Amino acid sequence: MYTFVHNHKQLSKFQHIWKEVWNEKGYELEDCQHVLDQLLVRNAEGMEVGTVEFKSYNLDKNNPLNLIAPFDRQPELIGTQGPILEIDKVALLREHRGNNLARLMSTIVHYAKAHQCYYGVCLLEPVFARALRVSFHVPMRQISKRIVYKGDDVVPTIIYLGEIFQQSSQFDWLLGRTKLAYPSTGTTRQ
């Protein structure tokens, strides 16, 4: 279902996929520092078709994400004891979007479970946000109005990842519900 980026070849593939998708959407490209992990999402045939990048989120007012939307003022984030994920560079190649959205979301949930991250913060593309809410019933909350950021409208959102992995039987789309990701070994999961 996914592969951790551990070498130059994987990083090159990761960069190619997200940049192709960003360019297609007209987004401004940005490389990030302080990345926890980058993952390549694979389709059922094992082909790398998507990306997701994880960063550690903090409530510091100078955090660039907090300057975009008021994540630092959200009660569930202020009160959490565990780590919070910033979810970035979520991308699926155009020809692989429909059938692989469950694989992409399952990758995010597996990673969150492995790291005991109950909340994810992100800036979602509005159509993607609607698909998560309506088709996948992802527990999430929009924290402010849509805003223009890096060339498009985005929806500042908290995803309640802990609800998904703690109640995995309620989410039919979640692949590998009984498996746990192994982030530091470079192991790939089916």
Protein backbone atom coordinates (compact mmCIF):
# COMPACT_ATOMS: atom_id res chain seq x y z
CA MET A 1 0.00 0.00 0.00
CA TYR A 2 2.91 2.37 0.67
CA THR A 3 6.68 2.67 0.84
CA PHE A 4 8.75 4.96 3.04
CA VAL A 5 11.14 7.20 1.12
CA HIS A 6 14.62 6.07 2.20
CA ASN A 7 16.86 6.56 -0.82
CA HIS A 8 17.55 8.91 -3.70
CA LYS A 9 15.53 6.89 -6.24
CA GLN A 10 12.45 6.90 -3.98
CA LEU A 11 12.90 10.61 -3.25
CA SER A 12 13.12 11.34 -6.96
CA LYS A 13 9.86 9.44 -7.56
CA PHE A 14 8.21 11.24 -4.63
CA GLN A 15 9.31 14.64 -5.98
CA HIS A 16 8.14 13.76 -9.50
CA ILE A 17 4.64 12.72 -8.39
CA TRP A 18 3.78 15.60 -6.08
CA LYS A 19 5.27 18.21 -8.41
CA GLU A 20 3.34 16.83 -11.38
CA VAL A 21 0.09 17.02 -9.40
CA TRP A 22 0.88 20.50 -7.99
CA ASN A 23 1.72 21.82 -11.47
CA GLU A 24 -1.49 20.33 -12.87
CA LYS A 25 -3.50 22.09 -10.15
CA GLY A 26 -1.60 25.35 -10.53
CA TYR A 27 -0.22 25.30 -6.98
CA GLU A 28 2.95 27.10 -6.01
CA LEU A 29 5.74 24.59 -5.39
CA GLU A 30 7.51 24.57 -2.04
CA ASP A 31 10.02 22.24 -0.48
CA CYS A 32 9.68 21.76 3.25
CA GLN A 33 12.15 21.34 6.03
CA HIS A 34 11.66 19.43 9.26
CA VAL A 35 9.92 16.51 7.55
CA LEU A 36 9.21 13.42 9.64
CA ASP A 37 8.54 11.05 6.77
CA GLN A 38 7.63 10.96 3.11
CA LEU A 39 5.63 8.02 1.75
CA LEU A 40 4.91 6.77 -1.73
CA VAL A 41 1.40 5.36 -2.10
CA ARG A 42 1.18 2.25 -4.28
CA ASN A 43 -1.83 0.97 -6.20
CA ALA A 44 -3.02 -2.64 -6.09
CA GLU A 45 -0.43 -3.59 -8.74
CA GLY A 46 2.41 -2.06 -6.71
CA MET A 47 2.89 0.99 -8.92
CA GLU A 48 3.76 4.22 -7.09
CA VAL A 49 0.85 6.58 -7.83
CA GLY A 50 0.73 9.04 -4.93
CA THR A 51 2.52 10.82 -2.13
CA VAL A 52 2.01 12.06 1.41
CA GLU A 53 4.42 13.93 3.64
CA PHE A 54 4.26 14.17 7.43
CA LYS A 55 5.64 16.91 9.62
CA SER A 56 5.37 17.45 13.34
CA TYR A 57 2.85 20.18 14.11
CA ASN A 58 3.32 22.54 17.05
CA LEU A 59 1.10 25.23 18.51
CA ASP A 60 3.77 27.95 18.36
CA LYS A 61 2.23 31.15 17.01
CA ASN A 62 5.18 31.50 14.62
CA ASN A 63 4.46 28.13 13.03
CA PRO A 64 3.75 28.99 9.36
CA LEU A 65 0.55 26.93 9.42
CA ASN A 66 -0.78 29.00 12.32
CA LEU A 67 -0.19 32.16 10.31
CA ILE A 68 -2.45 30.75 7.57
CA ALA A 69 -5.31 29.51 9.79
CA PRO A 70 -5.96 29.49 13.56
CA PHE A 71 -4.96 25.89 14.25
CA ASP A 72 -3.20 27.02 17.43
CA ARG A 73 -6.54 28.17 18.92
CA GLN A 74 -8.41 24.89 18.49
CA PRO A 75 -9.33 23.32 21.87
CA GLU A 76 -8.75 19.70 20.86
CA LEU A 77 -5.22 20.54 19.69
CA ILE A 78 -4.42 22.67 22.73
CA GLY A 79 -5.51 19.89 25.06
CA THR A 80 -3.88 16.92 23.36
CA GLN A 81 -1.04 15.12 25.09
CA GLY A 82 0.37 13.30 22.08
CA PRO A 83 2.01 14.39 18.85
CA ILE A 84 0.00 16.12 16.14
CA LEU A 85 0.70 15.49 12.47
CA GLU A 86 0.83 18.09 9.76
CA ILE A 87 -0.24 16.30 6.61
CA ASP A 88 1.24 17.75 3.43
CA LYS A 89 2.03 16.92 -0.19
CA VAL A 90 -1.02 14.71 -0.53
CA ALA A 91 -1.11 13.85 -4.21
CA LEU A 92 -2.47 11.17 -6.52
CA LEU A 93 -1.62 11.11 -10.20
CA ARG A 94 -4.67 12.09 -12.26
CA GLU A 95 -5.17 8.70 -13.90
CA HIS A 96 -5.04 6.92 -10.53
CA ARG A 97 -7.29 9.11 -8.36
CA GLY A 98 -10.61 7.31 -8.09
CA ASN A 99 -9.55 3.82 -7.10
CA ASN A 100 -6.61 4.85 -4.93
CA LEU A 101 -8.15 7.41 -2.60
CA ALA A 102 -8.84 4.65 -0.05
CA ARG A 103 -5.19 3.57 -0.30
CA LEU A 104 -4.02 7.14 0.26
CA MET A 105 -6.28 7.67 3.28
CA SER A 106 -5.40 4.24 4.68
CA THR A 107 -1.71 5.16 4.43
CA ILE A 108 -2.34 8.31 6.47
CA VAL A 109 -4.31 6.41 9.11
CA HIS A 110 -1.72 3.61 9.38
CA TYR A 111 1.04 6.17 9.87
CA ALA A 112 -0.99 8.01 12.52
CA LYS A 113 -1.69 4.77 14.38
CA ALA A 114 1.96 3.74 14.33
CA HIS A 115 2.91 7.10 15.87
CA GLN A 116 -0.14 7.41 18.14
CA CYS A 117 -1.15 10.69 16.51
CA TYR A 118 -4.82 11.36 17.17
CA TYR A 119 -5.05 14.57 15.14
CA GLY A 120 -3.88 15.65 11.73
CA VAL A 121 -3.89 19.25 10.52
CA CYS A 122 -3.94 20.14 6.87
CA LEU A 123 -4.99 22.54 4.16
CA LEU A 124 -7.30 20.53 1.91
CA GLU A 125 -8.30 21.22 -1.64
CA PRO A 126 -12.12 21.82 -1.43
CA VAL A 127 -13.19 18.97 -3.76
CA PHE A 128 -10.92 16.55 -1.89
CA ALA A 129 -12.30 17.78 1.45
CA ARG A 130 -15.84 17.15 0.23
CA ALA A 131 -14.95 13.64 -0.97
CA LEU A 132 -13.47 12.80 2.43
CA ARG A 133 -16.50 14.15 4.24
CA VAL A 134 -19.28 12.83 1.98
CA SER A 135 -17.94 9.61 0.44
CA PHE A 136 -15.53 8.44 3.15
CA HIS A 137 -17.25 9.92 6.23
CA VAL A 138 -13.86 10.96 7.59
CA PRO A 139 -14.27 12.56 11.00
CA MET A 140 -12.89 16.04 10.50
CA ARG A 141 -13.64 19.67 11.22
CA GLN A 142 -13.13 22.72 9.06
CA ILE A 143 -11.68 25.37 11.39
CA SER A 144 -12.19 28.46 9.23
CA LYS A 145 -13.54 29.63 5.92
CA ARG A 146 -11.84 28.68 2.67
CA ILE A 147 -8.78 30.76 2.04
CA VAL A 148 -6.57 31.34 -0.98
CA TYR A 149 -3.16 29.81 -0.45
CA LYS A 150 -0.35 29.00 -2.91
CA GLY A 151 -2.58 29.50 -5.94
CA ASP A 152 -5.89 27.88 -4.95
CA ASP A 153 -8.62 27.77 -2.35
CA VAL A 154 -7.88 25.53 0.61
CA VAL A 155 -9.96 24.35 3.54
CA PRO A 156 -8.10 24.48 6.89
CA THR A 157 -9.05 21.18 8.52
CA ILE A 158 -8.43 18.98 11.54
CA ILE A 159 -8.77 15.26 10.81
CA TYR A 160 -9.61 13.10 13.82
CA LEU A 161 -7.23 10.28 12.95
CA GLY A 162 -7.55 8.59 16.34
CA GLU A 163 -11.28 8.11 15.82
CA ILE A 164 -10.54 6.28 12.59
CA PHE A 165 -7.89 3.89 13.89
CA GLN A 166 -9.67 3.30 17.20
CA GLN A 167 -12.98 2.55 15.46
CA SER A 168 -11.56 1.02 12.29
CA SER A 169 -14.49 -1.38 11.79
CA GLN A 170 -16.73 1.64 11.08
CA PHE A 171 -14.68 2.65 8.04
CA ASP A 172 -15.19 0.16 5.21
CA TRP A 173 -12.67 2.00 3.01
CA LEU A 174 -9.83 1.49 5.50
CA LEU A 175 -7.44 -1.09 4.08
CA GLY A 176 -5.39 -3.41 6.29
CA ARG A 177 -7.40 -2.62 9.41
CA THR A 178 -5.53 -5.17 11.48
CA LYS A 179 -2.03 -4.19 10.36
CA LEU A 180 0.21 -1.61 11.95
CA ALA A 181 2.81 0.33 9.98
CA TYR A 182 6.49 -0.08 10.82
CA PRO A 183 7.95 3.36 10.09
CA SER A 184 11.66 2.93 10.81
CA THR A 185 12.43 -0.34 9.03
CA GLY A 186 11.81 0.67 5.45
CA THR A 187 9.30 -2.16 5.23
CA THR A 188 6.52 -1.82 2.71
CA ARG A 189 2.99 -2.80 3.62
CA GLN A 190 0.41 -4.43 1.38
